[in-house]
Amino acid sequence: MAIKVTMPRLSDTMTEGTVATWLKKVGDKISEGDILAEIETDKATMEFESFNEGTLLHIGIQEGQTAPVDSLLAIIGKEGEDISALLAGGDAPAAEAPKAEAAPAAEAKTETPAPAAKTATELPKGVIVVTMPRLSDTMTEGTVATWLKKVGDAVAEGDILAEIETDKATMEFESFNEGTLLYIGIQEGNTAPVDSLLAIIGPAGTDISGIADNYTAGGTTTASAPATEEAKTAPAAEKTTEAVAETSNGGRILASPLAKKIASDKGIQLTQVKGSGENGRIVKSDIENFTPSAKAQPAAATTTAAAPKAETAAPAVPKVFVPAGEVFTEEIKNSQMRKIIAKRLAESLFTAPHYNLVIEVSMDDAMAARTTINTVPDTKVSFNDMVIKACALALKKHPKINSQWKEDAIIINHHVNIGVAVAVEDGLVVPVLKFTDAMSLSQIGTSVRDLAGRAKNKKLGPQEMEGSTFTVSNLGMFGITEFNSIINQPNSAILSVGAIVEKPVVKNGQIVVGNTMMLSLACDHRTIDGATGAQFLQTLKQYIESPVTMLA
C-alpha cells in the first residue's frame, strides 16, 4: 500500500526544510536505505534516507521549495498504484516516521498537502509561484539584497534570481524552474516574512494580476510549488541530479547546474573538483571550497595564516571622501543575522540576571606543559584546548555551574557538553564538543580545529551546534586581555578567556617576570550563587596552573 513520506525534522529547532536536490525521480525503484533527496537547513545540507521500499509515485515538494515539517514530501508504493485519494488529502495507509519527533504531528500530515494541491489547480498552466524561502531554522523573515533578474527576463533552471539576506548570511537564491519572470513581490532592500510572495514565473504574457492580489491578501500560503503533474516533476529532478560535464577522455562528471555555473564564472575545471554529493556529484559548496593544487597553493596558505587579521578587519567600510568641516553620516541596514543576534542577546541579558567573576591565572606551567605536549608527533594543542579541558573537569566537580533555569525547576546536567564560540564572516556560531570531560587534550584540539574549520565553511550539521551545557569564548588571539560575555542560553554560565600577558608578578616574595591570563565567568544568578561561581573558578585555576593535575 502507498506510504506518505513527510518532510523530516532534522533538528529539534527545525520547523521547515528546503529540498536542495532530488536524487530519485518519479518512477524510480526505491530500496530501504536509498538516499531520496538532500534537504537543506541554514546549518547544513543533509541526505534524507528512505525507510521504505517500492516505487516513487509522487514528489510533493520540488527542488528549491521550502515547506513545513510534516508536509507531504513524497509518496512511495507499488508501481501503477492509484494515489489520487492521498493527493486529495485522504489518510495514508501508513505513515513514514524517519524521526521520532515527527510522530506527534501526524494529524497535520493529512492537512498539509491540501492547500498546495488547491493552489496548483488555481494557477494558470505553466505558472509557478515562488515564495520567500526559510533558509534558517531561526529565520522568520528575509530581505532581498539584490535582484539579478527583472520582470520580463527569461529565467532558466539554475539561474540565480536574487540574493536573499537571512539571519545567518546573504545567500544566492537559485531558480529551479524556467519561464519568464512575470512579477516581483518583494523589492530590493525590503524585508518580508517567510512564505511571502517573492516572484511569479510562467509563460510570457500570462495574466497573473489575480494571483498577486490573492497572495498579497492571504500572505500565508506556501505555493512555491511548480505544477504538480508527475510529468513535470520527473524531468526537473532528473535534470538537476544528472547534470554532467564531459571530460577530455569522454567521461562524465556529475554536477548540479548551480555548481556548473559557479565553476564557469570562476574559471574552474570540473575535472579538478572532487564531489561530495551522491555518487560523487559536485555541488555548490565543492566549488566554493575548491583550492587549486598547483600555483594557487601558496596564496591559500597565506590567506589562512592571515585569518585572525582578516576577521578583525572584516567590518571595514569602503573609504568615502568627506570634505573637511562637513557633518557626514552613513546608515548601514541591519542584516538578518545581526537582528537575530541582537534579539537573542537582549533576551539573554534582560531575562537572566548576569553577574561576572574575574580571576587571574598564572600560565607559566601551562606554557611549559604545552611545549612538551606538542613535541609528540602529530599532536597540536592550544592554550584554549587546555582551558576547555580544565573547564570540563571543573564542571564535573561543580555541577551547579553546568545547569539550566526552568520556571519550575533547575536542571543539573551531569554530562558535560562545552560549546566553543567561533567567529564567522557574518556573526557567531557555537559548535559543541559532546562529552568533553571524557576527551583527551589532543582529542579536544583535533575536534575544535575540525569544528571551527567547518563552521567557517558552513558545513556543520545541526546536531553539532545543539546541546551545549557550558560555553567558552576566547578573544585572547586578538590581544584582548579581559572581557565579559553574555550567557549563551539555555546555559547558566559562559567563560571569557583573555590573552596571555607577560608582566611583573610576585613569587616567593620576589618580583619576577611571569605570564598571566584573565578569566571572567558570567553567571545566571537564578541558578548560580556567587560562592558557587567562585569555587568553580578556584578549581579551574588549579587545573590550568598545574596541568599535570588534569591527568589525575
Protein backbone atom coordinates (compact mmCIF):
# COMPACT_ATOMS: atom_id res chain seq x y z
CA MET A 1 0.00 0.00 0.00
CA ALA A 2 1.16 3.54 -0.72
CA ILE A 3 3.08 5.32 2.03
CA LYS A 4 3.25 9.05 2.63
CA VAL A 5 6.76 10.38 3.23
CA THR A 6 6.77 13.70 5.05
CA MET A 7 9.32 16.48 5.49
CA PRO A 8 11.55 15.16 8.32
CA ARG A 9 12.51 17.06 11.44
CA LEU A 10 16.33 17.04 11.20
CA SER A 11 16.90 19.08 14.34
CA ASP A 12 14.95 19.93 17.45
CA THR A 13 14.59 23.55 16.31
CA MET A 14 13.65 22.80 12.71
CA THR A 15 10.17 23.86 11.62
CA GLU A 16 10.69 23.86 7.83
CA GLY A 17 13.10 22.37 5.32
CA THR A 18 14.20 23.10 1.77
CA VAL A 19 14.66 20.35 -0.81
CA ALA A 20 18.07 21.11 -2.29
CA THR A 21 18.21 18.15 -4.68
CA TRP A 22 16.10 15.13 -5.55
CA LEU A 23 18.30 12.08 -6.14
CA LYS A 24 15.35 9.98 -7.27
CA LYS A 25 12.63 10.79 -9.80
CA VAL A 26 9.04 9.63 -10.20
CA GLY A 27 9.01 6.04 -11.43
CA ASP A 28 12.33 5.09 -9.83
CA LYS A 29 12.57 1.97 -7.69
CA ILE A 30 13.31 2.75 -4.04
CA SER A 31 15.07 0.40 -1.62
CA GLU A 32 15.24 0.84 2.12
CA GLY A 33 18.36 2.92 2.81
CA ASP A 34 18.39 4.71 -0.56
CA ILE A 35 19.03 8.47 -0.44
CA LEU A 36 15.86 10.16 -1.68
CA ALA A 37 16.90 13.80 -1.51
CA GLU A 38 19.23 16.37 0.01
CA ILE A 39 17.36 18.59 2.45
CA GLU A 40 18.80 21.96 3.39
CA THR A 41 18.71 23.95 6.60
CA ASP A 42 20.71 27.07 7.45
CA LYS A 43 23.35 24.88 9.09
CA ALA A 44 23.85 22.03 6.66
CA THR A 45 22.53 20.13 3.67
CA MET A 46 21.70 16.63 4.85
CA GLU A 47 20.97 13.43 2.95
CA PHE A 48 17.48 12.05 3.58
CA GLU A 49 17.28 8.29 3.62
CA SER A 50 14.22 6.20 2.70
CA PHE A 51 12.87 3.91 5.39
CA ASN A 52 10.58 2.15 2.90
CA GLU A 53 10.82 0.39 -0.42
CA GLY A 54 8.70 0.46 -3.55
CA THR A 55 8.30 2.88 -6.46
CA LEU A 56 8.45 6.67 -6.14
CA LEU A 57 4.93 7.61 -7.24
CA HIS A 58 4.80 11.31 -6.42
CA ILE A 59 7.03 14.23 -5.42
CA GLY A 60 5.22 16.80 -3.32
CA ILE A 61 7.95 19.38 -2.73
CA GLN A 62 10.00 20.47 -5.70
CA GLU A 63 13.70 21.33 -5.66
CA GLY A 64 14.27 24.76 -4.18
CA GLN A 65 10.98 24.81 -2.29
CA THR A 66 10.63 25.31 1.44
CA ALA A 67 7.87 23.53 3.33
CA PRO A 68 6.93 22.93 6.98
CA VAL A 69 7.97 19.79 8.84
CA ASP A 70 5.40 17.01 8.18
CA SER A 71 4.38 18.44 4.79
CA LEU A 72 3.89 15.84 2.05
CA LEU A 73 7.36 15.20 0.63
CA ALA A 74 6.72 12.13 -1.50
CA ILE A 75 4.57 9.01 -1.93
CA ILE A 76 6.08 5.55 -2.27
CA GLY A 77 4.03 2.50 -3.23
CA LYS A 78 3.51 -0.21 -5.82
CA GLU A 79 4.09 0.66 -9.46
CA GLY A 80 0.83 1.88 -11.03
CA GLU A 81 -0.97 2.18 -7.68
CA ASP A 82 -3.79 4.73 -7.51
CA ILE A 83 -2.76 7.57 -5.17
CA SER A 84 -5.43 10.10 -6.10
CA ALA A 85 -7.08 9.81 -2.67
CA LEU A 86 -3.79 10.61 -0.96
CA LEU A 87 -3.17 13.61 -3.21
CA ALA A 88 -6.65 14.88 -2.40
CA GLY A 89 -5.77 14.88 1.27
CA GLY A 90 -7.00 11.47 2.36
CA ASP A 91 -5.37 9.41 5.09
CA ALA A 92 -2.35 7.39 4.17
CA PRO A 93 -2.49 3.65 4.87
CA ALA A 94 0.87 4.01 6.59
CA ALA A 95 2.98 6.98 7.58
CA GLU A 96 6.76 7.08 7.50
CA ALA A 97 8.43 8.48 10.61
CA PRO A 98 12.14 8.91 9.93
CA LYS A 99 12.47 10.87 13.15
CA ALA A 100 10.68 10.21 16.40
CA GLU A 101 9.77 13.86 16.68
CA ALA A 102 7.59 13.68 13.59
CA ALA A 103 5.17 11.20 15.14
CA PRO A 104 3.22 13.61 17.38
CA ALA A 105 2.48 15.81 14.38
CA ALA A 106 0.69 13.04 12.48
CA GLU A 107 -2.58 14.97 12.49
CA ALA A 108 -1.04 17.70 10.35
CA LYS A 109 0.09 15.26 7.69
CA THR A 110 -3.33 14.84 6.17
CA GLU A 111 -3.99 18.57 6.11
CA THR A 112 -0.75 19.98 4.70
CA PRO A 113 -0.94 18.70 1.09
CA ALA A 114 -4.48 20.05 0.56
CA PRO A 115 -3.66 23.78 0.20
CA ALA A 116 -0.79 23.04 -2.19
CA ALA A 117 -3.00 20.89 -4.38
CA LYS A 118 -5.72 23.53 -4.36
CA THR A 119 -3.31 26.32 -5.29
CA ALA A 120 -1.81 24.28 -8.10
CA THR A 121 -5.26 23.88 -9.71
CA GLU A 122 -5.95 27.61 -9.47
CA LEU A 123 -2.74 28.67 -11.21
CA PRO A 124 -2.76 29.16 -14.98
CA LYS A 125 -0.90 26.46 -16.88
CA GLY A 126 2.87 26.76 -16.51
CA VAL A 127 2.72 29.49 -13.85
CA ILE A 128 4.84 28.94 -10.74
CA VAL A 129 4.62 30.94 -7.54
CA VAL A 130 7.94 31.39 -5.70
CA THR A 131 7.78 32.32 -2.03
CA MET A 132 10.32 33.65 0.43
CA PRO A 133 12.25 30.52 1.46
CA ARG A 134 13.11 29.59 5.03
CA LEU A 135 16.91 29.33 4.81
CA SER A 136 17.47 29.02 8.54
CA ASP A 137 15.67 27.31 11.40
CA THR A 138 15.60 30.68 13.20
CA MET A 139 14.58 32.68 10.14
CA THR A 140 11.16 34.30 10.28
CA GLU A 141 11.74 36.90 7.57
CA GLY A 142 14.18 37.59 4.77
CA THR A 143 15.49 40.66 2.98
CA VAL A 144 16.01 40.83 -0.77
CA ALA A 145 19.50 42.24 -1.07
CA THR A 146 19.69 42.21 -4.88
CA TRP A 147 17.53 41.08 -7.77
CA LEU A 148 19.65 39.55 -10.53
CA LYS A 149 16.66 39.29 -12.85
CA LYS A 150 13.99 41.87 -13.72
CA VAL A 151 10.39 41.49 -14.83
CA GLY A 152 10.31 40.28 -18.43
CA ASP A 153 13.63 38.45 -18.26
CA ALA A 154 13.81 34.84 -19.35
CA VAL A 155 14.68 32.52 -16.46
CA ALA A 156 16.38 29.17 -16.96
CA GLU A 157 16.67 26.41 -14.41
CA GLY A 158 19.79 27.10 -12.35
CA ASP A 159 19.74 30.86 -12.87
CA ILE A 160 20.26 32.99 -9.78
CA LEU A 161 17.09 35.02 -9.23
CA ALA A 162 18.13 37.08 -6.25
CA GLU A 163 20.41 37.38 -3.25
CA ILE A 164 18.46 36.93 -0.02
CA GLU A 165 19.75 38.08 3.32
CA THR A 166 18.92 35.79 6.24
CA ASP A 167 19.86 35.82 9.91
CA LYS A 168 22.94 33.77 9.03
CA ALA A 169 24.24 35.08 5.71
CA THR A 170 23.39 36.57 2.33
CA MET A 171 22.64 33.61 0.09
CA GLU A 172 22.07 33.24 -3.64
CA PHE A 173 18.55 32.03 -4.43
CA GLU A 174 18.53 29.71 -7.40
CA SER A 175 15.59 29.11 -9.72
CA PHE A 176 14.56 25.51 -10.11
CA ASN A 177 12.06 26.41 -12.81
CA GLU A 178 12.16 28.03 -16.22
CA GLY A 179 9.99 30.60 -17.94
CA THR A 180 9.65 34.39 -17.82
CA LEU A 181 9.84 36.45 -14.64
CA LEU A 182 6.31 37.85 -14.58
CA TYR A 183 6.16 39.52 -11.20
CA ILE A 184 8.40 40.62 -8.31
CA GLY A 185 6.64 40.68 -4.98
CA ILE A 186 9.44 41.95 -2.73
CA GLN A 187 11.60 44.82 -3.93
CA GLU A 188 15.33 45.22 -3.25
CA GLY A 189 16.02 46.25 0.32
CA ASN A 190 12.57 45.20 1.52
CA THR A 191 12.02 42.62 4.25
CA ALA A 192 9.13 40.16 4.31
CA PRO A 193 8.08 37.09 6.32
CA VAL A 194 8.91 33.57 5.20
CA ASP A 195 6.35 32.31 2.63
CA SER A 196 5.51 35.81 1.39
CA LEU A 197 5.12 36.14 -2.37
CA LEU A 198 8.62 36.59 -3.78
CA ALA A 199 8.08 36.17 -7.50
CA ILE A 200 5.93 34.57 -10.19
CA ILE A 201 7.42 32.71 -13.14
CA GLY A 202 5.49 31.47 -16.18
CA PRO A 203 4.90 31.82 -19.91
CA ALA A 204 5.45 35.31 -21.27
CA GLY A 205 2.28 37.42 -21.43
CA THR A 206 0.32 35.41 -18.85
CA ASP A 207 -2.12 37.49 -16.77
CA ILE A 208 -1.11 36.96 -13.16
CA SER A 209 -2.71 40.02 -11.54
CA GLY A 210 -5.27 37.93 -9.68
CA ILE A 211 -2.60 35.64 -8.30
CA ALA A 212 -0.54 38.54 -6.98
CA ASP A 213 -3.61 40.10 -5.33
CA ASN A 214 -4.59 36.83 -3.65
CA TYR A 215 -1.13 36.24 -2.24
CA THR A 216 -0.86 39.81 -1.01
CA ALA A 217 -4.17 39.43 0.79
CA GLY A 218 -3.65 35.88 2.09
CA GLY A 219 0.02 36.02 2.80
CA THR A 220 0.42 32.59 4.40
CA THR A 221 0.09 30.12 1.57
CA THR A 222 3.19 28.16 0.63
CA ALA A 223 2.53 27.59 -3.04
CA SER A 224 6.06 27.89 -4.22
CA ALA A 225 5.47 24.58 -5.93
CA PRO A 226 5.74 24.26 -9.65
CA ALA A 227 2.95 22.35 -11.34
CA THR A 228 2.24 19.09 -9.56
CA GLU A 229 1.96 16.87 -12.62
CA GLU A 230 4.37 13.97 -12.36
CA ALA A 231 5.35 14.52 -15.96
CA LYS A 232 6.88 17.86 -14.94
CA THR A 233 8.33 16.53 -11.70
CA ALA A 234 10.45 13.81 -13.24
CA PRO A 235 12.40 15.82 -15.81
CA ALA A 236 13.19 18.59 -13.33
CA ALA A 237 14.55 16.20 -10.76
CA GLU A 238 16.41 14.24 -13.39
CA LYS A 239 17.95 17.34 -14.91
CA THR A 240 19.36 18.59 -11.62
CA THR A 241 20.60 15.21 -10.47
CA GLU A 242 22.09 14.22 -13.78
CA ALA A 243 23.75 17.50 -14.78
CA VAL A 244 27.06 16.43 -16.28
CA ALA A 245 30.23 17.77 -17.83
CA GLU A 246 32.35 15.98 -20.38
CA THR A 247 35.97 15.18 -19.54
CA SER A 248 38.77 15.18 -22.05
CA ASN A 249 38.63 11.39 -22.34
CA GLY A 250 34.89 11.29 -22.88
CA GLY A 251 33.97 10.53 -19.27
CA ARG A 252 31.04 12.19 -17.48
CA ILE A 253 31.14 14.28 -14.34
CA LEU A 254 28.01 14.64 -12.22
CA ALA A 255 27.44 18.27 -11.18
CA SER A 256 24.48 20.40 -10.16
CA PRO A 257 23.51 23.25 -12.51
CA LEU A 258 24.46 25.86 -9.91
CA ALA A 259 27.85 24.20 -9.34
CA LYS A 260 28.48 24.27 -13.10
CA LYS A 261 27.53 27.94 -13.32
CA ILE A 262 29.76 29.00 -10.41
CA ALA A 263 32.63 26.89 -11.77
CA SER A 264 32.23 28.56 -15.16
CA ASP A 265 32.19 32.04 -13.60
CA LYS A 266 35.34 31.27 -11.60
CA GLY A 267 37.13 29.51 -14.44
CA ILE A 268 37.35 26.24 -12.51
CA GLN A 269 37.62 22.98 -14.42
CA LEU A 270 35.15 20.45 -13.02
CA THR A 271 37.66 17.69 -13.70
CA GLN A 272 39.81 19.11 -10.88
CA VAL A 273 36.99 19.13 -8.31
CA LYS A 274 36.07 16.21 -6.07
CA GLY A 275 32.32 15.99 -5.50
CA SER A 276 30.87 15.44 -2.05
CA GLY A 277 27.29 14.71 -3.16
CA GLU A 278 25.53 11.48 -4.06
CA ASN A 279 27.71 9.25 -6.27
CA GLY A 280 30.48 11.86 -6.24
CA ARG A 281 28.18 14.59 -7.57
CA ILE A 282 29.71 18.09 -7.47
CA VAL A 283 27.59 20.60 -5.55
CA LYS A 284 27.85 24.33 -4.89
CA SER A 285 29.95 24.00 -1.72
CA ASP A 286 32.55 21.86 -3.54
CA ILE A 287 33.18 24.72 -5.99
CA GLU A 288 33.17 27.41 -3.30
CA ASN A 289 35.70 25.48 -1.19
CA PHE A 290 37.87 24.36 -4.11
CA THR A 291 41.56 25.23 -3.87
CA PRO A 292 43.80 24.65 -6.91
CA SER A 293 46.60 22.22 -6.14
CA ALA A 294 49.35 23.97 -8.09
CA LYS A 295 50.37 27.65 -8.16
CA ALA A 296 47.44 28.88 -6.10
CA GLN A 297 48.51 26.80 -3.09
CA PRO A 298 50.91 29.35 -1.53
CA ALA A 299 48.27 32.06 -1.83
CA ALA A 300 45.77 29.86 0.02
CA ALA A 301 48.27 29.26 2.79
CA THR A 302 48.92 32.97 3.11
CA THR A 303 45.20 33.67 3.37
CA THR A 304 44.77 31.07 6.10
CA ALA A 305 47.69 32.41 8.11
CA ALA A 306 46.26 35.91 7.95
CA ALA A 307 42.79 34.81 9.05
CA PRO A 308 42.79 36.46 12.51
CA LYS A 309 43.74 39.82 11.00
CA ALA A 310 41.12 39.41 8.31
CA GLU A 311 38.45 38.77 10.94
CA THR A 312 39.48 41.85 12.86
CA ALA A 313 39.29 43.98 9.70
CA ALA A 314 36.07 42.41 8.40
CA PRO A 315 33.70 45.26 9.36
CA ALA A 316 35.82 47.80 7.47
CA VAL A 317 33.72 50.22 5.42
CA PRO A 318 34.89 51.39 1.97
CA LYS A 319 36.67 54.71 2.16
CA VAL A 320 34.45 57.70 1.50
CA PHE A 321 35.74 61.18 0.77
CA VAL A 322 34.45 63.55 3.45
CA PRO A 323 35.05 67.26 2.88
CA ALA A 324 36.66 68.93 5.90
CA GLY A 325 34.25 70.67 8.24
CA GLU A 326 31.11 68.90 6.95
CA VAL A 327 28.84 66.66 9.00
CA PHE A 328 28.69 63.21 7.41
CA THR A 329 26.79 60.11 8.49
CA GLU A 330 26.16 56.76 6.90
CA GLU A 331 23.37 54.29 7.56
CA ILE A 332 24.08 50.56 7.21
CA LYS A 333 20.99 48.38 7.07
CA ASN A 334 20.91 45.65 9.72
CA SER A 335 21.37 42.17 8.32
CA GLN A 336 19.05 39.37 9.34
CA MET A 337 21.87 37.75 11.31
CA ARG A 338 22.50 40.99 13.18
CA LYS A 339 18.80 41.26 14.00
CA ILE A 340 18.68 37.72 15.40
CA ILE A 341 21.90 38.20 17.37
CA ALA A 342 20.51 41.43 18.84
CA LYS A 343 17.22 39.75 19.73
CA ARG A 344 18.75 36.69 21.39
CA LEU A 345 21.43 38.54 23.32
CA ALA A 346 18.91 41.10 24.54
CA GLU A 347 16.63 38.28 25.65
CA SER A 348 19.51 36.62 27.49
CA LEU A 349 20.78 39.80 29.16
CA PHE A 350 17.36 41.09 30.17
CA THR A 351 15.99 37.68 31.19
CA ALA A 352 18.93 36.23 33.11
CA PRO A 353 20.34 38.39 35.94
CA HIS A 354 24.03 38.36 34.95
CA TYR A 355 26.97 38.88 37.25
CA ASN A 356 30.67 38.44 36.48
CA LEU A 357 33.51 36.91 38.48
CA VAL A 358 37.12 37.55 37.41
CA ILE A 359 40.26 35.61 38.34
CA GLU A 360 43.89 35.88 37.24
CA VAL A 361 45.70 32.66 36.38
CA SER A 362 49.45 32.02 36.16
CA MET A 363 50.29 30.45 32.80
CA ASP A 364 54.00 29.63 33.28
CA ASP A 365 53.50 25.91 33.94
CA ALA A 366 50.77 25.69 31.30
CA MET A 367 53.13 27.17 28.70
CA ALA A 368 55.85 24.68 29.60
CA ALA A 369 53.38 21.79 29.53
CA ARG A 370 52.04 22.81 26.13
CA THR A 371 55.54 22.98 24.69
CA THR A 372 56.23 19.45 25.92
CA ILE A 373 52.89 18.06 24.71
CA ASN A 374 53.37 19.49 21.23
CA THR A 375 56.69 17.68 20.83
CA VAL A 376 54.68 14.48 20.43
CA PRO A 377 54.37 13.67 16.70
CA ASP A 378 51.05 14.67 15.08
CA THR A 379 49.94 16.49 18.23
CA LYS A 380 48.88 20.12 18.35
CA VAL A 381 47.31 21.53 21.50
CA SER A 382 46.42 25.19 22.03
CA PHE A 383 46.01 27.09 25.28
CA ASN A 384 42.30 27.26 24.51
CA ASP A 385 42.19 23.46 24.35
CA MET A 386 43.78 23.34 27.80
CA VAL A 387 41.18 25.78 29.15
CA ILE A 388 38.35 23.70 27.67
CA LYS A 389 39.72 20.51 29.25
CA ALA A 390 40.10 22.26 32.61
CA CYS A 391 36.52 23.58 32.37
CA ALA A 392 35.19 20.10 31.65
CA LEU A 393 36.88 18.65 34.74
CA ALA A 394 35.88 21.60 36.94
CA LEU A 395 32.25 21.28 35.82
CA LYS A 396 32.21 17.67 36.98
CA LYS A 397 33.23 18.89 40.44
CA HIS A 398 30.79 21.81 40.40
CA PRO A 399 27.68 20.54 38.55
CA LYS A 400 25.58 23.55 39.61
CA ILE A 401 27.55 25.61 37.07
CA ASN A 402 26.51 23.06 34.45
CA SER A 403 22.83 23.89 34.88
CA GLN A 404 19.76 25.35 33.22
CA TRP A 405 16.95 27.50 34.61
CA LYS A 406 13.32 26.42 34.24
CA GLU A 407 10.39 28.26 35.78
CA ASP A 408 9.51 25.31 38.00
CA ALA A 409 12.93 23.67 38.46
CA ILE A 410 16.70 23.91 37.93
CA ILE A 411 18.09 21.28 35.58
CA ILE A 412 21.52 19.98 36.61
CA ASN A 413 23.40 18.45 33.69
CA HIS A 414 25.70 15.64 34.78
CA HIS A 415 27.04 15.28 31.26
CA VAL A 416 29.45 17.96 30.02
CA ASN A 417 28.95 19.40 26.52
CA ILE A 418 31.07 22.51 26.03
CA GLY A 419 30.17 25.00 23.31
CA VAL A 420 33.09 26.83 21.70
CA ALA A 421 32.27 30.26 20.28
CA VAL A 422 33.59 30.62 16.71
CA ALA A 423 33.58 33.89 14.78
CA VAL A 424 32.41 33.51 11.18
CA GLU A 425 32.09 36.09 8.44
CA ASP A 426 28.57 37.20 9.33
CA GLY A 427 28.41 36.62 13.06
CA LEU A 428 28.98 33.91 15.63
CA VAL A 429 28.24 30.18 15.85
CA VAL A 430 28.79 27.80 18.75
CA PRO A 431 29.72 24.22 17.78
CA VAL A 432 29.55 21.76 20.67
CA LEU A 433 32.07 19.23 21.98
CA LYS A 434 29.91 16.36 23.25
CA PHE A 435 31.06 14.67 26.49
CA THR A 436 34.10 16.92 26.72
CA ASP A 437 35.17 15.56 30.10
CA ALA A 438 35.88 12.16 28.51
CA MET A 439 38.12 13.66 25.80
CA SER A 440 41.90 13.93 25.96
CA LEU A 441 43.70 17.20 25.25
CA SER A 442 44.72 16.05 21.79
CA GLN A 443 41.16 14.91 21.03
CA ILE A 444 39.84 18.29 22.09
CA GLY A 445 42.43 20.06 19.93
CA THR A 446 41.59 17.97 16.87
CA SER A 447 37.84 18.35 17.37
CA VAL A 448 37.97 22.12 17.90
CA ARG A 449 40.04 22.66 14.75
CA ASP A 450 37.68 20.46 12.74
CA LEU A 451 34.51 22.12 14.06
CA ALA A 452 35.88 25.64 13.70
CA GLY A 453 37.02 24.97 10.14
CA ARG A 454 33.68 23.55 9.11
CA ALA A 455 31.82 26.32 10.93
CA LYS A 456 33.57 28.93 8.80
CA ASN A 457 32.68 26.92 5.66
CA LYS A 458 29.06 26.46 6.86
CA LYS A 459 29.40 22.70 6.81
CA LEU A 460 28.34 21.95 10.37
CA GLY A 461 25.35 19.69 10.90
CA PRO A 462 22.52 20.99 13.11
CA GLN A 463 23.28 18.33 15.73
CA GLU A 464 26.82 19.69 16.06
CA MET A 465 25.51 23.03 17.37
CA GLU A 466 22.95 21.70 19.82
CA GLY A 467 23.02 20.54 23.41
CA SER A 468 25.72 22.72 24.99
CA THR A 469 25.73 22.88 28.80
CA PHE A 470 28.51 25.49 29.15
CA THR A 471 30.27 27.87 26.75
CA VAL A 472 33.84 29.12 26.31
CA SER A 473 34.60 32.33 24.39
CA ASN A 474 38.23 33.27 23.70
CA LEU A 475 39.38 36.64 22.34
CA GLY A 476 42.95 36.25 23.52
CA MET A 477 44.25 35.80 19.98
CA PHE A 478 43.10 39.37 19.28
CA GLY A 479 45.08 40.77 22.20
CA ILE A 480 42.00 41.31 24.40
CA THR A 481 43.17 40.87 27.98
CA GLU A 482 39.79 40.85 29.72
CA PHE A 483 36.12 40.98 28.71
CA ASN A 484 32.65 39.88 29.80
CA SER A 485 30.36 37.74 27.65
CA ILE A 486 26.59 37.43 27.54
CA ILE A 487 25.36 33.97 28.55
CA ASN A 488 24.57 31.61 25.70
CA GLN A 489 21.18 30.39 26.86
CA PRO A 490 19.93 27.92 27.92
CA ASN A 491 23.37 27.63 29.62
CA SER A 492 23.75 29.20 33.05
CA ALA A 493 27.34 30.39 32.55
CA ILE A 494 29.92 31.37 29.96
CA LEU A 495 33.70 31.72 30.42
CA SER A 496 35.55 34.61 28.74
CA VAL A 497 39.23 33.92 28.10
CA GLY A 498 41.71 36.76 27.63
CA ALA A 499 45.22 36.96 26.20
CA ILE A 500 48.33 35.69 27.99
CA VAL A 501 50.28 38.73 29.20
CA GLU A 502 53.93 38.86 30.23
CA LYS A 503 54.31 41.19 33.23
CA PRO A 504 55.94 41.58 36.66
CA VAL A 505 54.49 39.23 39.27
CA VAL A 506 55.34 38.41 42.88
CA LYS A 507 56.62 34.89 43.59
CA ASN A 508 58.04 33.85 46.93
CA GLY A 509 58.31 37.49 47.97
CA GLN A 510 60.29 38.43 44.85
CA ILE A 511 59.20 40.44 41.80
CA VAL A 512 59.85 38.33 38.71
CA VAL A 513 58.65 38.19 35.11
CA GLY A 514 55.61 35.96 34.76
CA ASN A 515 52.82 35.12 32.33
CA THR A 516 49.22 35.53 33.41
CA MET A 517 45.76 35.25 31.88
CA MET A 518 42.44 36.74 32.97
CA LEU A 519 39.31 34.59 33.12
CA SER A 520 35.84 36.09 33.52
CA LEU A 521 32.84 33.92 34.38
CA ALA A 522 29.38 35.32 33.59
CA CYS A 523 26.73 33.58 35.69
CA ASP A 524 22.94 33.48 35.82
CA HIS A 525 22.13 34.44 39.40
CA ARG A 526 18.90 32.44 39.27
CA THR A 527 20.87 29.18 39.16
CA ILE A 528 24.39 30.04 40.37
CA ASP A 529 25.17 31.84 43.62
CA GLY A 530 28.31 33.94 43.88
CA ALA A 531 30.09 31.50 46.19
CA THR A 532 29.35 28.60 43.81
CA GLY A 533 30.82 30.51 40.87
CA ALA A 534 33.89 31.48 42.92
CA GLN A 535 34.54 27.88 43.94
CA PHE A 536 34.32 26.79 40.30
CA LEU A 537 36.91 29.42 39.29
CA GLN A 538 39.25 28.30 42.08
CA THR A 539 39.12 24.71 40.82
CA LEU A 540 39.57 25.88 37.23
CA LYS A 541 42.61 27.95 38.27
CA GLN A 542 44.20 24.91 39.96
CA TYR A 543 43.81 22.77 36.85
CA ILE A 544 45.23 25.42 34.49
CA GLU A 545 48.13 26.40 36.74
CA SER A 546 49.09 22.73 37.27
CA PRO A 547 48.19 20.94 34.02
CA VAL A 548 49.51 17.63 35.32
CA THR A 549 46.52 17.52 37.71
CA MET A 550 44.25 17.19 34.68
CA LEU A 551 45.75 13.75 34.15
CA ALA A 552 44.87 12.54 37.64
